[in-house]
mmCIF file of all heavy atoms, coordinates in Angstrom:
data_MODEL
# 
_entry.id   MODEL 
# 
loop_
_atom_site.group_PDB 
_atom_site.id 
_atom_site.type_symbol 
_atom_site.label_atom_id 
_atom_site.label_alt_id 
_atom_site.label_comp_id 
_atom_site.label_asym_id 
_atom_site.label_entity_id 
_atom_site.label_seq_id 
_atom_site.pdbx_PDB_ins_code 
_atom_site.Cartn_x 
_atom_site.Cartn_y 
_atom_site.Cartn_z 
_atom_site.occupancy 
_atom_site.B_iso_or_equiv 
_atom_site.pdbx_formal_charge 
_atom_site.auth_seq_id 
_atom_site.auth_comp_id 
_atom_site.auth_asym_id 
_atom_site.auth_atom_id 
_atom_site.pdbx_PDB_model_num 
ATOM 1   N N   . PRO A 1 1  ? 217.448 205.752 180.642 1.00 0.00 ? 1  PRO A N   1 
ATOM 2   C CA  . PRO A 1 1  ? 216.839 206.879 180.067 1.00 0.00 ? 1  PRO A CA  1 
ATOM 3   C C   . PRO A 1 1  ? 217.743 208.149 180.053 1.00 0.00 ? 1  PRO A C   1 
ATOM 4   O O   . PRO A 1 1  ? 217.800 208.890 179.110 1.00 0.00 ? 1  PRO A O   1 
ATOM 5   C CB  . PRO A 1 1  ? 215.520 207.096 180.730 1.00 0.00 ? 1  PRO A CB  1 
ATOM 6   C CG  . PRO A 1 1  ? 215.240 205.749 181.328 1.00 0.00 ? 1  PRO A CG  1 
ATOM 7   C CD  . PRO A 1 1  ? 216.534 205.157 181.660 1.00 0.00 ? 1  PRO A CD  1 
ATOM 8   N N   . LYS A 1 2  ? 218.425 208.372 181.165 1.00 0.00 ? 2  LYS A N   1 
ATOM 9   C CA  . LYS A 1 2  ? 219.234 209.585 181.294 1.00 0.00 ? 2  LYS A CA  1 
ATOM 10  C C   . LYS A 1 2  ? 220.449 209.525 180.265 1.00 0.00 ? 2  LYS A C   1 
ATOM 11  O O   . LYS A 1 2  ? 220.642 210.455 179.600 1.00 0.00 ? 2  LYS A O   1 
ATOM 12  C CB  . LYS A 1 2  ? 219.878 209.715 182.692 1.00 0.00 ? 2  LYS A CB  1 
ATOM 13  C CG  . LYS A 1 2  ? 220.813 210.882 182.855 1.00 0.00 ? 2  LYS A CG  1 
ATOM 14  C CD  . LYS A 1 2  ? 221.515 210.953 184.167 1.00 0.00 ? 2  LYS A CD  1 
ATOM 15  C CE  . LYS A 1 2  ? 222.528 211.986 184.145 1.00 0.00 ? 2  LYS A CE  1 
ATOM 16  N NZ  . LYS A 1 2  ? 223.593 211.903 185.150 1.00 0.00 ? 2  LYS A NZ  1 
ATOM 17  N N   . ALA A 1 3  ? 221.016 208.352 180.169 1.00 0.00 ? 3  ALA A N   1 
ATOM 18  C CA  . ALA A 1 3  ? 222.164 208.284 179.169 1.00 0.00 ? 3  ALA A CA  1 
ATOM 19  C C   . ALA A 1 3  ? 221.613 208.443 177.756 1.00 0.00 ? 3  ALA A C   1 
ATOM 20  O O   . ALA A 1 3  ? 222.279 209.118 176.950 1.00 0.00 ? 3  ALA A O   1 
ATOM 21  C CB  . ALA A 1 3  ? 222.787 206.817 179.265 1.00 0.00 ? 3  ALA A CB  1 
ATOM 22  N N   . VAL A 1 4  ? 220.429 207.923 177.452 1.00 0.00 ? 4  VAL A N   1 
ATOM 23  C CA  . VAL A 1 4  ? 219.861 208.158 176.103 1.00 0.00 ? 4  VAL A CA  1 
ATOM 24  C C   . VAL A 1 4  ? 219.584 209.664 175.844 1.00 0.00 ? 4  VAL A C   1 
ATOM 25  O O   . VAL A 1 4  ? 219.816 210.186 174.775 1.00 0.00 ? 4  VAL A O   1 
ATOM 26  C CB  . VAL A 1 4  ? 218.585 207.245 175.895 1.00 0.00 ? 4  VAL A CB  1 
ATOM 27  C CG1 . VAL A 1 4  ? 217.875 207.624 174.599 1.00 0.00 ? 4  VAL A CG1 1 
ATOM 28  C CG2 . VAL A 1 4  ? 218.967 205.811 175.914 1.00 0.00 ? 4  VAL A CG2 1 
ATOM 29  N N   . ARG A 1 5  ? 219.082 210.312 176.915 1.00 0.00 ? 5  ARG A N   1 
ATOM 30  C CA  . ARG A 1 5  ? 218.784 211.806 176.745 1.00 0.00 ? 5  ARG A CA  1 
ATOM 31  C C   . ARG A 1 5  ? 220.140 212.560 176.519 1.00 0.00 ? 5  ARG A C   1 
ATOM 32  O O   . ARG A 1 5  ? 220.195 213.434 175.630 1.00 0.00 ? 5  ARG A O   1 
ATOM 33  C CB  . ARG A 1 5  ? 218.110 212.374 178.011 1.00 0.00 ? 5  ARG A CB  1 
ATOM 34  C CG  . ARG A 1 5  ? 216.637 212.067 178.051 1.00 0.00 ? 5  ARG A CG  1 
ATOM 35  C CD  . ARG A 1 5  ? 215.960 212.878 179.193 1.00 0.00 ? 5  ARG A CD  1 
ATOM 36  N NE  . ARG A 1 5  ? 216.487 212.706 180.502 1.00 0.00 ? 5  ARG A NE  1 
ATOM 37  C CZ  . ARG A 1 5  ? 216.199 211.709 181.413 1.00 0.00 ? 5  ARG A CZ  1 
ATOM 38  N NH1 . ARG A 1 5  ? 215.368 210.861 181.087 1.00 0.00 ? 5  ARG A NH1 1 
ATOM 39  N NH2 . ARG A 1 5  ? 216.794 211.670 182.540 1.00 0.00 ? 5  ARG A NH2 1 
ATOM 40  N N   . VAL A 1 6  ? 221.132 212.210 177.251 1.00 0.00 ? 6  VAL A N   1 
ATOM 41  C CA  . VAL A 1 6  ? 222.467 212.871 177.076 1.00 0.00 ? 6  VAL A CA  1 
ATOM 42  C C   . VAL A 1 6  ? 223.039 212.591 175.697 1.00 0.00 ? 6  VAL A C   1 
ATOM 43  O O   . VAL A 1 6  ? 223.527 213.479 175.016 1.00 0.00 ? 6  VAL A O   1 
ATOM 44  C CB  . VAL A 1 6  ? 223.445 212.414 178.197 1.00 0.00 ? 6  VAL A CB  1 
ATOM 45  C CG1 . VAL A 1 6  ? 224.823 212.922 177.892 1.00 0.00 ? 6  VAL A CG1 1 
ATOM 46  C CG2 . VAL A 1 6  ? 222.947 212.944 179.582 1.00 0.00 ? 6  VAL A CG2 1 
ATOM 47  N N   . LEU A 1 7  ? 222.925 211.349 175.233 1.00 0.00 ? 7  LEU A N   1 
ATOM 48  C CA  . LEU A 1 7  ? 223.433 210.951 173.921 1.00 0.00 ? 7  LEU A CA  1 
ATOM 49  C C   . LEU A 1 7  ? 222.627 211.720 172.877 1.00 0.00 ? 7  LEU A C   1 
ATOM 50  O O   . LEU A 1 7  ? 223.211 212.222 171.909 1.00 0.00 ? 7  LEU A O   1 
ATOM 51  C CB  . LEU A 1 7  ? 223.240 209.429 173.696 1.00 0.00 ? 7  LEU A CB  1 
ATOM 52  C CG  . LEU A 1 7  ? 224.299 208.618 174.451 1.00 0.00 ? 7  LEU A CG  1 
ATOM 53  C CD1 . LEU A 1 7  ? 223.903 207.176 174.466 1.00 0.00 ? 7  LEU A CD1 1 
ATOM 54  C CD2 . LEU A 1 7  ? 225.698 208.774 173.898 1.00 0.00 ? 7  LEU A CD2 1 
ATOM 55  N N   . ALA A 1 8  ? 221.245 211.776 172.990 1.00 0.00 ? 8  ALA A N   1 
ATOM 56  C CA  . ALA A 1 8  ? 220.513 212.459 172.017 1.00 0.00 ? 8  ALA A CA  1 
ATOM 57  C C   . ALA A 1 8  ? 220.851 213.948 171.939 1.00 0.00 ? 8  ALA A C   1 
ATOM 58  O O   . ALA A 1 8  ? 220.943 214.518 170.805 1.00 0.00 ? 8  ALA A O   1 
ATOM 59  C CB  . ALA A 1 8  ? 218.965 212.298 172.296 1.00 0.00 ? 8  ALA A CB  1 
ATOM 60  N N   . ALA A 1 9  ? 221.111 214.607 173.077 1.00 0.00 ? 9  ALA A N   1 
ATOM 61  C CA  . ALA A 1 9  ? 221.485 216.040 173.087 1.00 0.00 ? 9  ALA A CA  1 
ATOM 62  C C   . ALA A 1 9  ? 222.825 216.231 172.447 1.00 0.00 ? 9  ALA A C   1 
ATOM 63  O O   . ALA A 1 9  ? 223.068 217.158 171.648 1.00 0.00 ? 9  ALA A O   1 
ATOM 64  C CB  . ALA A 1 9  ? 221.468 216.556 174.548 1.00 0.00 ? 9  ALA A CB  1 
ATOM 65  N N   . THR A 1 10 ? 223.806 215.374 172.775 1.00 0.00 ? 10 THR A N   1 
ATOM 66  C CA  . THR A 1 10 ? 225.132 215.446 172.221 1.00 0.00 ? 10 THR A CA  1 
ATOM 67  C C   . THR A 1 10 ? 225.066 215.220 170.701 1.00 0.00 ? 10 THR A C   1 
ATOM 68  O O   . THR A 1 10 ? 225.737 215.939 169.952 1.00 0.00 ? 10 THR A O   1 
ATOM 69  C CB  . THR A 1 10 ? 226.028 214.386 172.923 1.00 0.00 ? 10 THR A CB  1 
ATOM 70  O OG1 . THR A 1 10 ? 225.988 214.647 174.335 1.00 0.00 ? 10 THR A OG1 1 
ATOM 71  C CG2 . THR A 1 10 ? 227.516 214.679 172.389 1.00 0.00 ? 10 THR A CG2 1 
ATOM 72  N N   . LEU A 1 11 ? 224.291 214.194 170.290 1.00 0.00 ? 11 LEU A N   1 
ATOM 73  C CA  . LEU A 1 11 ? 224.178 213.963 168.863 1.00 0.00 ? 11 LEU A CA  1 
ATOM 74  C C   . LEU A 1 11 ? 223.555 215.194 168.113 1.00 0.00 ? 11 LEU A C   1 
ATOM 75  O O   . LEU A 1 11 ? 224.025 215.604 167.056 1.00 0.00 ? 11 LEU A O   1 
ATOM 76  C CB  . LEU A 1 11 ? 223.282 212.710 168.569 1.00 0.00 ? 11 LEU A CB  1 
ATOM 77  C CG  . LEU A 1 11 ? 223.982 211.393 168.886 1.00 0.00 ? 11 LEU A CG  1 
ATOM 78  C CD1 . LEU A 1 11 ? 222.970 210.322 168.881 1.00 0.00 ? 11 LEU A CD1 1 
ATOM 79  C CD2 . LEU A 1 11 ? 225.015 211.077 167.823 1.00 0.00 ? 11 LEU A CD2 1 
ATOM 80  N N   . ALA A 1 12 ? 222.548 215.844 168.738 1.00 0.00 ? 12 ALA A N   1 
ATOM 81  C CA  . ALA A 1 12 ? 221.891 216.983 168.185 1.00 0.00 ? 12 ALA A CA  1 
ATOM 82  C C   . ALA A 1 12 ? 222.895 218.123 168.004 1.00 0.00 ? 12 ALA A C   1 
ATOM 83  O O   . ALA A 1 12 ? 222.843 218.807 166.930 1.00 0.00 ? 12 ALA A O   1 
ATOM 84  C CB  . ALA A 1 12 ? 220.748 217.412 169.066 1.00 0.00 ? 12 ALA A CB  1 
ATOM 85  N N   . GLU A 1 13 ? 223.804 218.308 168.896 1.00 0.00 ? 13 GLU A N   1 
ATOM 86  C CA  . GLU A 1 13 ? 224.840 219.302 168.817 1.00 0.00 ? 13 GLU A CA  1 
ATOM 87  C C   . GLU A 1 13 ? 225.726 219.061 167.568 1.00 0.00 ? 13 GLU A C   1 
ATOM 88  O O   . GLU A 1 13 ? 226.278 220.007 166.987 1.00 0.00 ? 13 GLU A O   1 
ATOM 89  C CB  . GLU A 1 13 ? 225.757 219.342 170.007 1.00 0.00 ? 13 GLU A CB  1 
ATOM 90  C CG  . GLU A 1 13 ? 225.025 219.857 171.319 1.00 0.00 ? 13 GLU A CG  1 
ATOM 91  C CD  . GLU A 1 13 ? 225.855 219.671 172.569 1.00 0.00 ? 13 GLU A CD  1 
ATOM 92  O OE1 . GLU A 1 13 ? 227.075 219.289 172.473 1.00 0.00 ? 13 GLU A OE1 1 
ATOM 93  O OE2 . GLU A 1 13 ? 225.283 219.954 173.631 1.00 0.00 ? 13 GLU A OE2 1 
ATOM 94  N N   . LYS A 1 14 ? 225.844 217.856 167.180 1.00 0.00 ? 14 LYS A N   1 
ATOM 95  C CA  . LYS A 1 14 ? 226.668 217.443 166.010 1.00 0.00 ? 14 LYS A CA  1 
ATOM 96  C C   . LYS A 1 14 ? 225.766 217.357 164.694 1.00 0.00 ? 14 LYS A C   1 
ATOM 97  O O   . LYS A 1 14 ? 226.266 216.981 163.652 1.00 0.00 ? 14 LYS A O   1 
ATOM 98  C CB  . LYS A 1 14 ? 227.321 216.126 166.154 1.00 0.00 ? 14 LYS A CB  1 
ATOM 99  C CG  . LYS A 1 14 ? 228.451 216.146 167.174 1.00 0.00 ? 14 LYS A CG  1 
ATOM 100 C CD  . LYS A 1 14 ? 229.147 214.796 167.231 1.00 0.00 ? 14 LYS A CD  1 
ATOM 101 C CE  . LYS A 1 14 ? 229.877 214.514 165.954 1.00 0.00 ? 14 LYS A CE  1 
ATOM 102 N NZ  . LYS A 1 14 ? 230.734 213.335 165.879 1.00 0.00 ? 14 LYS A NZ  1 
ATOM 103 N N   . GLY A 1 15 ? 224.530 217.746 164.796 1.00 0.00 ? 15 GLY A N   1 
ATOM 104 C CA  . GLY A 1 15 ? 223.646 217.627 163.717 1.00 0.00 ? 15 GLY A CA  1 
ATOM 105 C C   . GLY A 1 15 ? 223.156 216.200 163.394 1.00 0.00 ? 15 GLY A C   1 
ATOM 106 O O   . GLY A 1 15 ? 222.711 215.902 162.261 1.00 0.00 ? 15 GLY A O   1 
ATOM 107 N N   . LEU A 1 16 ? 223.313 215.315 164.376 1.00 0.00 ? 16 LEU A N   1 
ATOM 108 C CA  . LEU A 1 16 ? 222.869 213.919 164.191 1.00 0.00 ? 16 LEU A CA  1 
ATOM 109 C C   . LEU A 1 16 ? 221.693 213.647 165.112 1.00 0.00 ? 16 LEU A C   1 
ATOM 110 O O   . LEU A 1 16 ? 221.366 214.444 165.961 1.00 0.00 ? 16 LEU A O   1 
ATOM 111 C CB  . LEU A 1 16 ? 224.053 213.027 164.567 1.00 0.00 ? 16 LEU A CB  1 
ATOM 112 C CG  . LEU A 1 16 ? 225.269 213.047 163.694 1.00 0.00 ? 16 LEU A CG  1 
ATOM 113 C CD1 . LEU A 1 16 ? 226.431 212.241 164.340 1.00 0.00 ? 16 LEU A CD1 1 
ATOM 114 C CD2 . LEU A 1 16 ? 224.986 212.641 162.286 1.00 0.00 ? 16 LEU A CD2 1 
ATOM 115 N N   . ASP A 1 17 ? 221.175 212.434 165.023 1.00 0.00 ? 17 ASP A N   1 
ATOM 116 C CA  . ASP A 1 17 ? 220.029 212.011 165.872 1.00 0.00 ? 17 ASP A CA  1 
ATOM 117 C C   . ASP A 1 17 ? 220.143 210.491 166.061 1.00 0.00 ? 17 ASP A C   1 
ATOM 118 O O   . ASP A 1 17 ? 220.777 209.825 165.252 1.00 0.00 ? 17 ASP A O   1 
ATOM 119 C CB  . ASP A 1 17 ? 218.728 212.392 165.220 1.00 0.00 ? 17 ASP A CB  1 
ATOM 120 C CG  . ASP A 1 17 ? 217.551 212.361 166.200 1.00 0.00 ? 17 ASP A CG  1 
ATOM 121 O OD1 . ASP A 1 17 ? 217.784 212.180 167.335 1.00 0.00 ? 17 ASP A OD1 1 
ATOM 122 O OD2 . ASP A 1 17 ? 216.395 212.623 165.752 1.00 0.00 ? 17 ASP A OD2 1 
ATOM 123 N N   . ILE A 1 18 ? 219.476 210.052 167.098 1.00 0.00 ? 18 ILE A N   1 
ATOM 124 C CA  . ILE A 1 18 ? 219.379 208.598 167.265 1.00 0.00 ? 18 ILE A CA  1 
ATOM 125 C C   . ILE A 1 18 ? 218.475 208.061 166.181 1.00 0.00 ? 18 ILE A C   1 
ATOM 126 O O   . ILE A 1 18 ? 217.534 208.744 165.708 1.00 0.00 ? 18 ILE A O   1 
ATOM 127 C CB  . ILE A 1 18 ? 218.752 208.327 168.708 1.00 0.00 ? 18 ILE A CB  1 
ATOM 128 C CG1 . ILE A 1 18 ? 219.803 208.730 169.812 1.00 0.00 ? 18 ILE A CG1 1 
ATOM 129 C CG2 . ILE A 1 18 ? 218.320 206.882 168.856 1.00 0.00 ? 18 ILE A CG2 1 
ATOM 130 C CD1 . ILE A 1 18 ? 219.262 208.637 171.176 1.00 0.00 ? 18 ILE A CD1 1 
ATOM 131 N N   . ALA A 1 19 ? 218.770 206.895 165.647 1.00 0.00 ? 19 ALA A N   1 
ATOM 132 C CA  . ALA A 1 19 ? 218.021 206.283 164.581 1.00 0.00 ? 19 ALA A CA  1 
ATOM 133 C C   . ALA A 1 19 ? 216.480 206.230 164.994 1.00 0.00 ? 19 ALA A C   1 
ATOM 134 O O   . ALA A 1 19 ? 216.164 205.901 166.102 1.00 0.00 ? 19 ALA A O   1 
ATOM 135 C CB  . ALA A 1 19 ? 218.546 204.910 164.222 1.00 0.00 ? 19 ALA A CB  1 
ATOM 136 N N   . PRO A 1 20 ? 215.617 206.485 164.000 1.00 0.00 ? 20 PRO A N   1 
ATOM 137 C CA  . PRO A 1 20 ? 214.236 206.366 164.360 1.00 0.00 ? 20 PRO A CA  1 
ATOM 138 C C   . PRO A 1 20 ? 213.842 204.905 164.569 1.00 0.00 ? 20 PRO A C   1 
ATOM 139 O O   . PRO A 1 20 ? 214.442 204.004 164.014 1.00 0.00 ? 20 PRO A O   1 
ATOM 140 C CB  . PRO A 1 20 ? 213.565 206.894 163.053 1.00 0.00 ? 20 PRO A CB  1 
ATOM 141 C CG  . PRO A 1 20 ? 214.630 206.773 161.963 1.00 0.00 ? 20 PRO A CG  1 
ATOM 142 C CD  . PRO A 1 20 ? 215.906 206.856 162.659 1.00 0.00 ? 20 PRO A CD  1 
ATOM 143 N N   . ALA A 1 21 ? 212.782 204.778 165.357 1.00 0.00 ? 21 ALA A N   1 
ATOM 144 C CA  . ALA A 1 21 ? 212.254 203.414 165.650 1.00 0.00 ? 21 ALA A CA  1 
ATOM 145 C C   . ALA A 1 21 ? 211.714 202.790 164.338 1.00 0.00 ? 21 ALA A C   1 
ATOM 146 O O   . ALA A 1 21 ? 211.284 203.530 163.450 1.00 0.00 ? 21 ALA A O   1 
ATOM 147 C CB  . ALA A 1 21 ? 211.176 203.497 166.710 1.00 0.00 ? 21 ALA A CB  1 
ATOM 148 N N   . GLU A 1 22 ? 211.711 201.517 164.296 1.00 0.00 ? 22 GLU A N   1 
ATOM 149 C CA  . GLU A 1 22 ? 211.171 200.836 163.123 1.00 0.00 ? 22 GLU A CA  1 
ATOM 150 C C   . GLU A 1 22 ? 209.672 201.192 163.011 1.00 0.00 ? 22 GLU A C   1 
ATOM 151 O O   . GLU A 1 22 ? 208.934 201.138 164.062 1.00 0.00 ? 22 GLU A O   1 
ATOM 152 C CB  . GLU A 1 22 ? 211.290 199.332 163.295 1.00 0.00 ? 22 GLU A CB  1 
ATOM 153 C CG  . GLU A 1 22 ? 212.670 198.824 163.341 1.00 0.00 ? 22 GLU A CG  1 
ATOM 154 C CD  . GLU A 1 22 ? 213.350 198.723 162.014 1.00 0.00 ? 22 GLU A CD  1 
ATOM 155 O OE1 . GLU A 1 22 ? 212.593 198.444 160.992 1.00 0.00 ? 22 GLU A OE1 1 
ATOM 156 O OE2 . GLU A 1 22 ? 214.550 198.962 161.840 1.00 0.00 ? 22 GLU A OE2 1 
ATOM 157 N N   . PRO A 1 23 ? 209.176 201.548 161.868 1.00 0.00 ? 23 PRO A N   1 
ATOM 158 C CA  . PRO A 1 23 ? 207.726 201.850 161.783 1.00 0.00 ? 23 PRO A CA  1 
ATOM 159 C C   . PRO A 1 23 ? 206.910 200.569 161.931 1.00 0.00 ? 23 PRO A C   1 
ATOM 160 O O   . PRO A 1 23 ? 207.258 199.531 161.544 1.00 0.00 ? 23 PRO A O   1 
ATOM 161 C CB  . PRO A 1 23 ? 207.591 202.417 160.300 1.00 0.00 ? 23 PRO A CB  1 
ATOM 162 C CG  . PRO A 1 23 ? 208.755 201.932 159.620 1.00 0.00 ? 23 PRO A CG  1 
ATOM 163 C CD  . PRO A 1 23 ? 209.860 201.695 160.549 1.00 0.00 ? 23 PRO A CD  1 
ATOM 164 N N   . ARG A 1 24 ? 205.782 200.772 162.625 1.00 0.00 ? 24 ARG A N   1 
ATOM 165 C CA  . ARG A 1 24 ? 204.900 199.644 162.874 1.00 0.00 ? 24 ARG A CA  1 
ATOM 166 C C   . ARG A 1 24 ? 204.207 199.351 161.588 1.00 0.00 ? 24 ARG A C   1 
ATOM 167 O O   . ARG A 1 24 ? 203.866 200.184 160.803 1.00 0.00 ? 24 ARG A O   1 
ATOM 168 C CB  . ARG A 1 24 ? 203.886 200.001 163.939 1.00 0.00 ? 24 ARG A CB  1 
ATOM 169 C CG  . ARG A 1 24 ? 204.524 200.095 165.328 1.00 0.00 ? 24 ARG A CG  1 
ATOM 170 C CD  . ARG A 1 24 ? 203.573 200.467 166.367 1.00 0.00 ? 24 ARG A CD  1 
ATOM 171 N NE  . ARG A 1 24 ? 202.361 199.615 166.347 1.00 0.00 ? 24 ARG A NE  1 
ATOM 172 C CZ  . ARG A 1 24 ? 201.325 199.740 167.085 1.00 0.00 ? 24 ARG A CZ  1 
ATOM 173 N NH1 . ARG A 1 24 ? 201.320 200.744 167.978 1.00 0.00 ? 24 ARG A NH1 1 
ATOM 174 N NH2 . ARG A 1 24 ? 200.331 198.925 167.064 1.00 0.00 ? 24 ARG A NH2 1 
ATOM 175 N N   . ASP A 1 25 ? 203.920 198.111 161.366 1.00 0.00 ? 25 ASP A N   1 
ATOM 176 C CA  . ASP A 1 25 ? 203.192 197.609 160.147 1.00 0.00 ? 25 ASP A CA  1 
ATOM 177 C C   . ASP A 1 25 ? 201.700 198.020 160.320 1.00 0.00 ? 25 ASP A C   1 
ATOM 178 O O   . ASP A 1 25 ? 200.987 197.568 161.163 1.00 0.00 ? 25 ASP A O   1 
ATOM 179 C CB  . ASP A 1 25 ? 203.298 196.143 160.046 1.00 0.00 ? 25 ASP A CB  1 
ATOM 180 C CG  . ASP A 1 25 ? 202.792 195.632 158.650 1.00 0.00 ? 25 ASP A CG  1 
ATOM 181 O OD1 . ASP A 1 25 ? 201.956 196.296 158.087 1.00 0.00 ? 25 ASP A OD1 1 
ATOM 182 O OD2 . ASP A 1 25 ? 203.285 194.559 158.237 1.00 0.00 ? 25 ASP A OD2 1 
ATOM 183 N N   . ALA A 1 26 ? 201.256 198.935 159.443 1.00 0.00 ? 26 ALA A N   1 
ATOM 184 C CA  . ALA A 1 26 ? 199.868 199.440 159.485 1.00 0.00 ? 26 ALA A CA  1 
ATOM 185 C C   . ALA A 1 26 ? 198.791 198.398 159.362 1.00 0.00 ? 26 ALA A C   1 
ATOM 186 O O   . ALA A 1 26 ? 197.650 198.560 159.876 1.00 0.00 ? 26 ALA A O   1 
ATOM 187 C CB  . ALA A 1 26 ? 199.677 200.597 158.489 1.00 0.00 ? 26 ALA A CB  1 
ATOM 188 N N   . ARG A 1 27 ? 199.175 197.292 158.687 1.00 0.00 ? 27 ARG A N   1 
ATOM 189 C CA  . ARG A 1 27 ? 198.144 196.239 158.519 1.00 0.00 ? 27 ARG A CA  1 
ATOM 190 C C   . ARG A 1 27 ? 197.738 195.648 159.849 1.00 0.00 ? 27 ARG A C   1 
ATOM 191 O O   . ARG A 1 27 ? 196.680 195.072 159.991 1.00 0.00 ? 27 ARG A O   1 
ATOM 192 C CB  . ARG A 1 27 ? 198.732 195.105 157.669 1.00 0.00 ? 27 ARG A CB  1 
ATOM 193 C CG  . ARG A 1 27 ? 198.961 195.568 156.202 1.00 0.00 ? 27 ARG A CG  1 
ATOM 194 C CD  . ARG A 1 27 ? 199.699 194.397 155.493 1.00 0.00 ? 27 ARG A CD  1 
ATOM 195 N NE  . ARG A 1 27 ? 200.899 194.122 156.086 1.00 0.00 ? 27 ARG A NE  1 
ATOM 196 C CZ  . ARG A 1 27 ? 201.695 193.112 155.770 1.00 0.00 ? 27 ARG A CZ  1 
ATOM 197 N NH1 . ARG A 1 27 ? 201.283 192.211 154.928 1.00 0.00 ? 27 ARG A NH1 1 
ATOM 198 N NH2 . ARG A 1 27 ? 202.853 192.977 156.383 1.00 0.00 ? 27 ARG A NH2 1 
# 
């Protein structure tokens, strides 16, 4: 989790983000 937080913050500084999770099938 710490590495993911650091990566997310660093990506945000570059105007990027970690890919969104696959949406769940509403059905």
